[in-house]
Amino acid sequence: MNPLARVRLALARRPALYWLAVAAVAAVAAVAVSAAVADVDDARRAWGDDRSVLLAARDAVPGESVTAVATAAARPDPMVPPAALAEVPAGAVLRQHVTAGEILVRADVVAPGGPVGLIPAGWLAVPLAEAVPSGAAVGDHVHVASGGVVLAADGLVVGVLSDGVLVAVPADDAPMVAAAGADATVLLAP
């Protein structure tokens, strides 16, 4: 007779053996689940304490209010950058693009003060009346050109004026860009 058939016959004749086997399998499963839960708890404790930080609730662009974008959340301490923000500075706006779920750090925000807060260190802002409107928006990185010559390979739009844009450029490029801006021969290219 087949060994499997013998086992089935023995279990059919003695229901107590069947329920004993079911209880043994359940006990083994319970021990395995308990060990897995303990391992997860140990791994969670290894990450350390949670720290409250600000996250971007949605994708946002430079110049937006931090209050409108930020949400508080708890993250394990090793995952939190040293410059992470725990609270929204009064009236702060975003300095650069942020994506949903990103931890906000000091470099992402500036104090209120309009375009001045968006100008990178060592750069100057130059108002430009474009020969052909480019449609550049605050936070866009652009090349500034005039007469077929690139005057600034790296520019950052920090403000939109009624008749042009305010572009931050490295301080070394600012005089040439300003001169071209006075002639209204400037073109911005993304």
Foldseek 3Di string as FASTA:
>chain_A
DDPVVVVVVVCVVPVVVVVVVVVVVVVVVVVVVVVVVVVVVVVVPVLPDWDKFWFFQAKDAWPAWCVVGIDIDIDRPVVDDPQTHRDGDPQKTFLGIDGGGHGDGPNGIFHDDALVRNADPQKDKAWAQAPDDPPDDARDWKFKDFPRGTLAHTWGFSAADPRGTIIIGHPVSVVVSNVRRVVNRIDIGD
